């Protein structure tokens, strides 16, 4: 085992890379957001998944205001080192629409809504 070096990640020209959140025990894909180097480091240090909000230009700890938290179970990088997979324990909905997953619309046979907002 070698020590992980975050500087080995390949960030885009804005200093970001995509981070896909997946429920660790079911494999359900929950959402995609963005991380910069500090968000990666903060997530690894705290165990609370932290993203970089492009619209607010600020850190965003998932669930900090909503209570719909993501506890880090594992962090994986892809073969090109330009994308992160965070395996999480999601509490409540992951999507800002109050759905479990942001990927709730199928378009294969016309647009179909696969899930309704949680109550």
Protein backbone atom coordinates (compact mmCIF):
# COMPACT_ATOMS: atom_id res chain seq x y z
CA UNK A 1 0.00 0.00 0.00
CA UNK A 2 1.28 3.46 -0.89
CA UNK A 3 0.15 6.73 0.66
CA UNK A 4 -2.42 8.57 -1.44
CA UNK A 5 -1.08 11.76 -2.99
CA UNK A 6 -3.97 14.12 -3.88
CA UNK A 7 -1.64 16.11 -6.13
CA UNK A 8 -1.66 13.11 -8.48
CA UNK A 9 -5.29 13.86 -9.39
CA UNK A 10 -5.94 15.53 -12.73
CA UNK A 11 -8.14 18.54 -12.10
CA UNK A 12 -9.65 20.53 -14.97
CA UNK A 13 -8.64 24.10 -15.81
CA UNK A 14 -10.94 25.36 -13.01
CA UNK A 15 -9.23 23.11 -10.48
CA UNK A 16 -12.20 20.73 -10.29
CA UNK A 17 -13.01 17.12 -11.01
CA UNK A 18 -16.35 15.30 -11.05
CA UNK A 19 -17.31 13.28 -7.99
CA UNK A 20 -19.98 10.61 -8.29
CA UNK A 21 -21.76 9.65 -5.06
CA UNK A 22 -22.93 6.04 -4.79
CA UNK A 23 -24.72 4.33 -1.90
CA UNK A 24 -22.11 1.91 -0.55
CA UNK A 25 -24.37 -1.06 0.20
CA UNK A 26 -26.82 -0.99 -2.72
CA UNK A 27 -24.73 0.46 -5.57
CA UNK A 28 -27.41 3.10 -6.22
CA UNK A 29 -25.94 6.12 -8.03
CA UNK A 30 -27.09 9.16 -6.08
CA UNK A 31 -25.60 12.29 -7.60
CA UNK A 32 -22.72 13.99 -9.34
CA UNK A 33 -21.02 17.08 -7.96
CA UNK A 34 -17.57 18.68 -8.12
CA UNK A 35 -14.55 18.63 -5.86
CA UNK A 36 -11.38 20.66 -5.76
CA UNK A 37 -8.21 19.54 -3.99
CA UNK A 38 -9.28 21.07 -0.68
CA UNK A 39 -12.70 19.38 -0.84
CA UNK A 40 -10.97 16.03 -1.41
CA UNK A 41 -8.67 16.64 1.56
CA UNK A 42 -11.52 17.84 3.80
CA UNK A 43 -13.65 14.81 2.89
CA UNK A 44 -10.81 12.40 3.72
CA UNK A 45 -10.03 14.23 6.96
CA UNK A 46 -13.59 14.57 8.32
CA UNK A 47 -15.46 11.64 6.75
CA UNK A 48 -18.18 14.11 5.77
CA UNK A 49 -18.45 14.38 1.99
CA UNK A 50 -17.55 17.91 0.96
CA UNK A 51 -18.02 19.33 -2.52
CA UNK A 52 -17.18 22.60 -4.23
CA UNK A 53 -20.26 24.59 -5.21
CA UNK A 54 -19.59 26.17 -8.60
CA UNK A 55 -22.59 28.51 -8.28
CA UNK A 56 -21.63 29.80 -4.83
CA UNK A 57 -17.85 29.43 -5.16
CA UNK A 58 -17.80 27.86 -1.71
CA UNK A 59 -17.43 24.52 0.04
CA UNK A 60 -20.60 22.50 0.47
CA UNK A 61 -20.70 19.80 3.12
CA UNK A 62 -23.52 17.54 1.97
CA UNK A 63 -26.41 17.73 4.43
CA UNK A 64 -25.03 20.64 6.44
CA UNK A 65 -28.29 22.57 6.09
CA UNK A 66 -30.76 19.87 4.99
CA UNK A 67 -29.69 17.08 7.34
CA UNK A 68 -29.39 14.76 4.31
CA UNK A 69 -25.81 13.83 5.03
CA UNK A 70 -23.29 11.66 3.24
CA UNK A 71 -20.88 9.75 5.45
CA UNK A 72 -17.77 8.66 3.56
CA UNK A 73 -17.31 4.89 3.42
CA UNK A 74 -14.66 4.78 0.68
CA UNK A 75 -13.16 7.08 -1.94
CA UNK A 76 -11.99 5.70 -5.27
CA UNK A 77 -10.31 7.28 -8.25
CA UNK A 78 -10.67 6.22 -11.85
CA UNK A 79 -7.86 4.95 -14.06
CA UNK A 80 -7.17 8.39 -15.55
CA UNK A 81 -7.19 10.01 -12.08
CA UNK A 82 -9.67 12.64 -13.30
CA UNK A 83 -12.87 11.43 -11.58
CA UNK A 84 -13.75 10.39 -8.04
CA UNK A 85 -16.27 7.85 -6.83
CA UNK A 86 -17.38 8.41 -3.25
CA UNK A 87 -19.07 5.45 -1.65
CA UNK A 88 -21.35 6.92 0.99
CA UNK A 89 -23.94 6.17 3.59
CA UNK A 90 -26.68 8.58 2.48
CA UNK A 91 -29.18 9.82 5.06
CA UNK A 92 -32.41 10.96 3.39
CA UNK A 93 -32.64 12.15 -0.20
CA UNK A 94 -29.47 13.02 -2.09
CA UNK A 95 -31.17 15.28 -4.66
CA UNK A 96 -32.19 18.89 -4.04
CA UNK A 97 -35.61 17.91 -5.48
CA UNK A 98 -36.09 15.74 -2.37
CA UNK A 99 -35.62 12.50 -4.32
CA UNK A 100 -33.29 9.72 -3.25
CA UNK A 101 -31.22 10.08 -6.45
CA UNK A 102 -30.66 12.92 -8.89
CA UNK A 103 -30.97 10.34 -11.68
CA UNK A 104 -34.75 9.95 -11.56
CA UNK A 105 -35.61 10.55 -15.23
CA UNK A 106 -35.31 7.87 -17.93
CA UNK A 107 -35.24 8.96 -21.58
CA UNK A 108 -34.84 5.64 -23.42
CA UNK A 109 -38.51 5.33 -24.43
CA UNK A 110 -39.48 8.98 -23.99
CA UNK A 111 -39.05 10.94 -20.80
CA UNK A 112 -40.28 8.95 -17.79
CA UNK A 113 -40.10 10.08 -14.17
CA UNK A 114 -38.88 7.06 -12.18
CA UNK A 115 -39.42 8.42 -8.67
CA UNK A 116 -41.37 11.07 -6.82
CA UNK A 117 -40.00 13.39 -4.13
CA UNK A 118 -39.75 11.84 -0.67
CA UNK A 119 -42.21 13.04 1.93
